[in-house]
N, C-alpha and C. Protein backbone atom coordinates (compact mmCIF):
# COMPACT_ATOMS: atom_id res chain seq x y z
N MET A 1 -192.78 -12.44 -103.26
CA MET A 1 -192.19 -11.22 -102.76
C MET A 1 -190.90 -11.58 -102.00
N ASP A 2 -189.85 -10.86 -102.31
CA ASP A 2 -188.56 -11.08 -101.66
C ASP A 2 -188.53 -10.33 -100.33
N LEU A 3 -188.45 -11.07 -99.24
CA LEU A 3 -188.44 -10.48 -97.90
C LEU A 3 -187.03 -10.12 -97.41
N THR A 4 -186.03 -10.39 -98.22
CA THR A 4 -184.64 -10.18 -97.80
C THR A 4 -184.39 -8.78 -97.25
N PRO A 5 -184.84 -7.70 -97.91
CA PRO A 5 -184.58 -6.37 -97.35
C PRO A 5 -185.22 -6.17 -95.96
N PHE A 6 -186.40 -6.76 -95.78
CA PHE A 6 -187.09 -6.61 -94.50
C PHE A 6 -186.38 -7.41 -93.41
N ILE A 7 -185.92 -8.59 -93.76
CA ILE A 7 -185.19 -9.42 -92.80
C ILE A 7 -183.88 -8.75 -92.42
N GLU A 8 -183.20 -8.18 -93.41
CA GLU A 8 -181.95 -7.47 -93.13
C GLU A 8 -182.19 -6.27 -92.21
N ALA A 9 -183.27 -5.55 -92.45
CA ALA A 9 -183.61 -4.41 -91.60
C ALA A 9 -183.94 -4.88 -90.19
N PHE A 10 -184.66 -6.00 -90.09
CA PHE A 10 -184.97 -6.55 -88.77
C PHE A 10 -183.69 -6.92 -88.02
N HIS A 11 -182.76 -7.56 -88.71
CA HIS A 11 -181.50 -7.95 -88.06
C HIS A 11 -180.71 -6.71 -87.60
N ALA A 12 -180.67 -5.68 -88.42
CA ALA A 12 -179.96 -4.46 -88.04
C ALA A 12 -180.62 -3.81 -86.82
N GLU A 13 -181.95 -3.71 -86.85
CA GLU A 13 -182.67 -3.12 -85.73
C GLU A 13 -182.52 -3.98 -84.47
N SER A 14 -182.48 -5.29 -84.63
CA SER A 14 -182.31 -6.18 -83.48
C SER A 14 -180.94 -6.00 -82.85
N GLN A 15 -179.92 -5.83 -83.68
CA GLN A 15 -178.58 -5.60 -83.14
C GLN A 15 -178.54 -4.28 -82.36
N GLU A 16 -179.21 -3.27 -82.88
CA GLU A 16 -179.30 -2.00 -82.16
C GLU A 16 -180.04 -2.18 -80.85
N GLY A 17 -181.12 -2.98 -80.87
CA GLY A 17 -181.88 -3.26 -79.66
C GLY A 17 -181.05 -4.00 -78.63
N LEU A 18 -180.25 -4.95 -79.09
CA LEU A 18 -179.38 -5.69 -78.18
C LEU A 18 -178.31 -4.79 -77.59
N ASP A 19 -177.77 -3.88 -78.40
CA ASP A 19 -176.80 -2.91 -77.89
C ASP A 19 -177.45 -2.02 -76.82
N ALA A 20 -178.70 -1.61 -77.08
CA ALA A 20 -179.43 -0.79 -76.11
C ALA A 20 -179.70 -1.57 -74.83
N MET A 21 -180.01 -2.86 -74.98
CA MET A 21 -180.24 -3.69 -73.79
C MET A 21 -178.98 -3.75 -72.94
N GLU A 22 -177.83 -3.97 -73.58
CA GLU A 22 -176.58 -4.04 -72.84
C GLU A 22 -176.27 -2.72 -72.14
N ALA A 23 -176.45 -1.62 -72.83
CA ALA A 23 -176.20 -0.31 -72.23
C ALA A 23 -177.13 -0.07 -71.05
N SER A 24 -178.39 -0.44 -71.21
CA SER A 24 -179.36 -0.25 -70.13
C SER A 24 -179.08 -1.18 -68.96
N LEU A 25 -178.58 -2.38 -69.24
CA LEU A 25 -178.22 -3.29 -68.16
C LEU A 25 -177.10 -2.70 -67.31
N LEU A 26 -176.17 -2.02 -67.93
CA LEU A 26 -175.11 -1.37 -67.17
C LEU A 26 -175.67 -0.23 -66.32
N LYS A 27 -176.66 0.49 -66.84
CA LYS A 27 -177.33 1.54 -66.06
C LYS A 27 -178.11 0.92 -64.91
N LEU A 28 -178.75 -0.20 -65.18
CA LEU A 28 -179.54 -0.90 -64.16
C LEU A 28 -178.66 -1.27 -62.97
N GLU A 29 -177.45 -1.68 -63.28
CA GLU A 29 -176.52 -2.09 -62.24
C GLU A 29 -176.15 -0.90 -61.33
N THR A 30 -176.26 0.32 -61.86
CA THR A 30 -175.94 1.50 -61.06
C THR A 30 -177.16 2.05 -60.34
N GLY A 31 -178.30 1.38 -60.48
CA GLY A 31 -179.49 1.78 -59.75
C GLY A 31 -180.50 2.59 -60.55
N ASP A 32 -180.32 2.71 -61.85
CA ASP A 32 -181.26 3.44 -62.70
C ASP A 32 -182.49 2.57 -62.92
N SER A 33 -183.56 2.83 -62.19
CA SER A 33 -184.75 1.98 -62.25
C SER A 33 -185.50 2.10 -63.57
N ASP A 34 -185.34 3.19 -64.31
CA ASP A 34 -186.00 3.34 -65.60
C ASP A 34 -185.39 2.42 -66.66
N ALA A 35 -184.16 2.00 -66.43
CA ALA A 35 -183.47 1.16 -67.41
C ALA A 35 -184.21 -0.15 -67.65
N ILE A 36 -184.88 -0.68 -66.66
CA ILE A 36 -185.58 -1.96 -66.80
C ILE A 36 -186.66 -1.85 -67.89
N HIS A 37 -187.30 -0.69 -67.99
CA HIS A 37 -188.34 -0.49 -69.01
C HIS A 37 -187.73 -0.45 -70.40
N ASP A 38 -186.56 0.17 -70.53
CA ASP A 38 -185.87 0.21 -71.82
C ASP A 38 -185.44 -1.19 -72.26
N ILE A 39 -184.98 -1.98 -71.32
CA ILE A 39 -184.56 -3.34 -71.62
C ILE A 39 -185.76 -4.16 -72.08
N PHE A 40 -186.87 -4.03 -71.37
CA PHE A 40 -188.08 -4.77 -71.73
C PHE A 40 -188.55 -4.39 -73.12
N ARG A 41 -188.59 -3.09 -73.42
CA ARG A 41 -189.06 -2.64 -74.75
C ARG A 41 -188.20 -3.21 -75.87
N ALA A 42 -186.89 -3.21 -75.66
CA ALA A 42 -185.99 -3.75 -76.70
C ALA A 42 -186.25 -5.24 -76.90
N ALA A 43 -186.36 -5.98 -75.80
CA ALA A 43 -186.61 -7.42 -75.90
C ALA A 43 -187.96 -7.69 -76.57
N HIS A 44 -188.96 -6.91 -76.21
CA HIS A 44 -190.30 -7.09 -76.77
C HIS A 44 -190.31 -6.82 -78.28
N SER A 45 -189.60 -5.80 -78.71
CA SER A 45 -189.52 -5.49 -80.14
C SER A 45 -188.83 -6.61 -80.91
N ILE A 46 -187.76 -7.14 -80.34
CA ILE A 46 -187.04 -8.23 -80.99
C ILE A 46 -187.94 -9.45 -81.10
N LYS A 47 -188.68 -9.76 -80.03
CA LYS A 47 -189.59 -10.91 -80.05
C LYS A 47 -190.64 -10.75 -81.14
N GLY A 48 -191.21 -9.55 -81.25
CA GLY A 48 -192.26 -9.32 -82.24
C GLY A 48 -191.75 -9.50 -83.66
N GLY A 49 -190.60 -8.93 -83.95
CA GLY A 49 -190.02 -9.08 -85.28
C GLY A 49 -189.64 -10.53 -85.58
N ALA A 50 -189.11 -11.20 -84.58
CA ALA A 50 -188.73 -12.61 -84.78
C ALA A 50 -189.95 -13.45 -85.11
N GLY A 51 -191.05 -13.18 -84.43
CA GLY A 51 -192.28 -13.91 -84.71
C GLY A 51 -192.78 -13.66 -86.12
N THR A 52 -192.66 -12.43 -86.56
CA THR A 52 -193.10 -12.05 -87.91
C THR A 52 -192.34 -12.83 -88.98
N PHE A 53 -191.05 -13.03 -88.76
CA PHE A 53 -190.22 -13.69 -89.76
C PHE A 53 -190.01 -15.18 -89.48
N GLY A 54 -190.75 -15.73 -88.52
CA GLY A 54 -190.67 -17.16 -88.26
C GLY A 54 -189.38 -17.61 -87.60
N LEU A 55 -188.74 -16.70 -86.88
CA LEU A 55 -187.52 -17.07 -86.15
C LEU A 55 -187.93 -17.61 -84.79
N ASN A 56 -188.39 -18.85 -84.80
CA ASN A 56 -189.02 -19.43 -83.62
C ASN A 56 -188.11 -19.52 -82.40
N ALA A 57 -186.85 -19.81 -82.60
CA ALA A 57 -185.95 -19.92 -81.45
C ALA A 57 -185.88 -18.60 -80.70
N VAL A 58 -185.86 -17.49 -81.42
CA VAL A 58 -185.81 -16.16 -80.80
C VAL A 58 -187.15 -15.84 -80.15
N SER A 59 -188.24 -16.08 -80.89
CA SER A 59 -189.56 -15.72 -80.36
C SER A 59 -189.99 -16.62 -79.21
N GLU A 60 -189.39 -17.79 -79.06
CA GLU A 60 -189.70 -18.67 -77.93
C GLU A 60 -188.79 -18.40 -76.73
N PHE A 61 -187.58 -17.93 -76.95
CA PHE A 61 -186.66 -17.63 -75.86
C PHE A 61 -186.96 -16.29 -75.20
N THR A 62 -187.28 -15.30 -75.99
CA THR A 62 -187.43 -13.94 -75.49
C THR A 62 -188.52 -13.79 -74.43
N PRO A 63 -189.65 -14.48 -74.50
CA PRO A 63 -190.64 -14.33 -73.42
C PRO A 63 -190.10 -14.72 -72.04
N ARG A 64 -189.13 -15.61 -72.01
CA ARG A 64 -188.53 -15.96 -70.72
C ARG A 64 -187.75 -14.77 -70.14
N VAL A 65 -187.10 -14.04 -71.03
CA VAL A 65 -186.39 -12.83 -70.61
C VAL A 65 -187.41 -11.79 -70.14
N GLU A 66 -188.49 -11.65 -70.89
CA GLU A 66 -189.53 -10.69 -70.52
C GLU A 66 -190.15 -11.03 -69.16
N THR A 67 -190.34 -12.31 -68.90
CA THR A 67 -190.90 -12.73 -67.60
C THR A 67 -189.99 -12.30 -66.46
N LEU A 68 -188.70 -12.51 -66.60
CA LEU A 68 -187.76 -12.09 -65.58
C LEU A 68 -187.80 -10.57 -65.41
N LEU A 69 -187.85 -9.85 -66.51
CA LEU A 69 -187.91 -8.39 -66.44
C LEU A 69 -189.20 -7.92 -65.77
N ASP A 70 -190.31 -8.59 -66.06
CA ASP A 70 -191.57 -8.26 -65.38
C ASP A 70 -191.47 -8.48 -63.88
N LEU A 71 -190.86 -9.58 -63.48
CA LEU A 71 -190.67 -9.86 -62.06
C LEU A 71 -189.80 -8.79 -61.40
N MET A 72 -188.80 -8.34 -62.12
CA MET A 72 -187.94 -7.28 -61.59
C MET A 72 -188.70 -5.96 -61.49
N ARG A 73 -189.52 -5.66 -62.50
CA ARG A 73 -190.29 -4.41 -62.46
C ARG A 73 -191.27 -4.41 -61.30
N ALA A 74 -191.80 -5.58 -60.98
CA ALA A 74 -192.75 -5.69 -59.86
C ALA A 74 -192.03 -5.87 -58.52
N GLU A 75 -190.71 -5.82 -58.56
CA GLU A 75 -189.87 -5.98 -57.37
C GLU A 75 -190.06 -7.33 -56.69
N HIS A 76 -190.33 -8.37 -57.52
CA HIS A 76 -190.43 -9.74 -57.02
C HIS A 76 -189.15 -10.52 -57.28
N TYR A 77 -188.21 -9.88 -57.92
CA TYR A 77 -186.92 -10.51 -58.23
C TYR A 77 -185.85 -9.44 -58.05
N PRO A 78 -184.72 -9.80 -57.46
CA PRO A 78 -183.72 -8.77 -57.12
C PRO A 78 -183.04 -8.16 -58.34
N ASN A 79 -182.74 -6.91 -58.19
CA ASN A 79 -181.94 -6.20 -59.18
C ASN A 79 -180.52 -6.15 -58.61
N ASP A 80 -179.79 -7.22 -58.84
CA ASP A 80 -178.43 -7.30 -58.29
C ASP A 80 -177.45 -7.73 -59.38
N ALA A 81 -176.20 -7.83 -59.02
CA ALA A 81 -175.16 -8.16 -60.00
C ALA A 81 -175.40 -9.51 -60.65
N ASP A 82 -175.90 -10.48 -59.91
CA ASP A 82 -176.16 -11.80 -60.48
C ASP A 82 -177.25 -11.75 -61.54
N THR A 83 -178.29 -10.97 -61.26
CA THR A 83 -179.40 -10.85 -62.22
C THR A 83 -178.94 -10.11 -63.47
N VAL A 84 -178.16 -9.06 -63.29
CA VAL A 84 -177.62 -8.31 -64.43
C VAL A 84 -176.74 -9.23 -65.27
N ALA A 85 -175.92 -10.05 -64.62
CA ALA A 85 -175.06 -10.99 -65.35
C ALA A 85 -175.91 -11.99 -66.13
N LEU A 86 -176.99 -12.47 -65.52
CA LEU A 86 -177.90 -13.41 -66.20
C LEU A 86 -178.52 -12.75 -67.43
N LEU A 87 -178.95 -11.51 -67.29
CA LEU A 87 -179.56 -10.81 -68.42
C LEU A 87 -178.54 -10.48 -69.51
N LEU A 88 -177.31 -10.21 -69.11
CA LEU A 88 -176.26 -10.02 -70.12
C LEU A 88 -176.02 -11.32 -70.89
N ASP A 89 -176.04 -12.44 -70.18
CA ASP A 89 -175.92 -13.75 -70.85
C ASP A 89 -177.09 -13.98 -71.79
N ALA A 90 -178.29 -13.60 -71.36
CA ALA A 90 -179.47 -13.76 -72.21
C ALA A 90 -179.35 -12.90 -73.46
N THR A 91 -178.79 -11.71 -73.31
CA THR A 91 -178.58 -10.83 -74.47
C THR A 91 -177.61 -11.47 -75.45
N GLU A 92 -176.56 -12.06 -74.95
CA GLU A 92 -175.60 -12.76 -75.83
C GLU A 92 -176.25 -13.97 -76.49
N CYS A 93 -177.11 -14.65 -75.75
CA CYS A 93 -177.83 -15.79 -76.33
C CYS A 93 -178.71 -15.31 -77.49
N LEU A 94 -179.40 -14.20 -77.29
CA LEU A 94 -180.23 -13.65 -78.37
C LEU A 94 -179.38 -13.27 -79.58
N ARG A 95 -178.20 -12.70 -79.33
CA ARG A 95 -177.28 -12.37 -80.44
C ARG A 95 -176.95 -13.64 -81.23
N SER A 96 -176.63 -14.70 -80.50
CA SER A 96 -176.27 -15.96 -81.15
C SER A 96 -177.43 -16.53 -81.93
N LEU A 97 -178.62 -16.49 -81.34
CA LEU A 97 -179.81 -17.00 -82.04
C LEU A 97 -180.08 -16.21 -83.31
N LEU A 98 -179.92 -14.90 -83.24
CA LEU A 98 -180.15 -14.07 -84.42
C LEU A 98 -179.09 -14.29 -85.48
N SER A 99 -177.87 -14.55 -85.06
CA SER A 99 -176.80 -14.82 -86.03
C SER A 99 -176.98 -16.15 -86.73
N ALA A 100 -177.57 -17.09 -86.02
CA ALA A 100 -177.77 -18.42 -86.60
C ALA A 100 -178.86 -18.34 -87.64
């Protein structure tokens, strides 16, 4: 069975998820506390799809992002400009991993 159409769909959906993560990160910076949940959902969806298609670098990196997001949701890690910058870097890293 040729998985190419499914992989292409996963990549397109992942790019949309990464775009949503970036947009939500900008909302997070303005104090929108619901944005953290949107960011987590996008990262979680990308991780799941990556695991399905054997994209190990993505599926192994993304849980680290999820852990940070969980800490932020539990208010054990600050929601500040440095954290937003770190998560934006993580989003770019995921883009690079998916492109590779």
